Amino acid sequence: MRPLFLFLFLTLMLLSRTELYPVRSCPAYDDLRHTKNSGDIRLDPKRSYEVRQHHKGQYLITVKAKKPFQRWVDENCFASKSALYVTPAACEVRSIGSGKSAATDEKRGISRENILVLSWYNAFCETHRRRKECSSSWHLLPFVKKYEQNFTLHGVWPQPKNKVYCGVERRYIAMDRHREWHKLPEPKLTSETKKRLTGIMSGTVSNLHRHEWIKHGTCYGTDAEHYFRDAIAMTEEVRCSKVSIFFQKHMGKRVSLKQVRTIFDESFGKGAGERVEMKCKNGLITELWLHLGGGSGKLKRLLHQGERVVSRCRRGIVDKAGYGR
């Protein structure tokens, strides 16, 4: 038992190290009491810092400077409501789609009408507490904090809604409908795409990606690699837009559909908001459904090709991290 305990302890210690970008240029002190700052070191918002410990509202970070290399900074240097995880690195949206024109996409058979479904992670866990990605043990891992400040990918659903399980064997359809997602085959993805998907789809720990590929992705018109690449790219565009910042600023507050659609117009052009549908449960905004045209490409173009929609949910609370409001 002792070797196993030691292994688990060391694993958690390694996982407990994460890197964050500061949102202001704060002083980095030698000690917890902030009595000395050797070399007058200040945080650089353009670079990330390894966080080694959190204690009494302070982060112990590693800096590349004169000794001591480990410095204490106030947690608010990273916890700005406006952009905690909308960092320069996170918002460097790489083009990982096909890179081809809409005409080429049609030749490839990509679905011409899709819905990008994004979950607000805090609200999802508030309404699905038993899901593995919402368990207390899962939340011990610091990288999960990324989800708590942003949208996570649910999936991309080709339309109409009965367009599902394209060319899928009956045994896999049965497994999926019985929620035996762990038995479904793993989508064939490159190591880079797997890594990026894990960082943007919290449900991978519950095999959500297997379910989404079998039920919806098989009708998208491409292989799994291109399906998830397109989904990741579109999700990143939302995460790195004013939409994400708006939701972060309004955590714990009630917002209207009109406000959400306005911020989409500001981010993706006038009329984009008319393609956004808000989903709510128990007074919380749980998901955003973005009605898109087909093909790969920038989200702005796809939104303007989508259908205008009516949203039954007109207002809701942007849930903050943790259970309860």
Foldseek 3Di string as FASTA:
>chain_A
DVVVVVVVVVVLQVLQKDKWAFPDWAQWAPDPVRPHGVPRHTGDNQDIWIFRDDDDQWTFTADPDPPPRTTIDGNNRQPDLQCNPLGPVLLPQDQPAPPDDPVVQVVLPFFFKKKWKKWLVQVVCLVVVPQPLNDPVVVSRVLNVSSQLFIAGQFMARDDNVQWQVPHDPVLVVCLVVLVLVPADDFDEDPVLVVLNVSRHSCVVSNSLSSRCRTGVVNRSDGSHNRSSQSSSARSLCCNASLSSVLSNQAQHKDWLVVNLVSLCVTQNPPLSQQWEFDDDPQAGTMIIGIFTTDGDHPSNGSVSGDGDDYPGTMGHSHGHDHDD
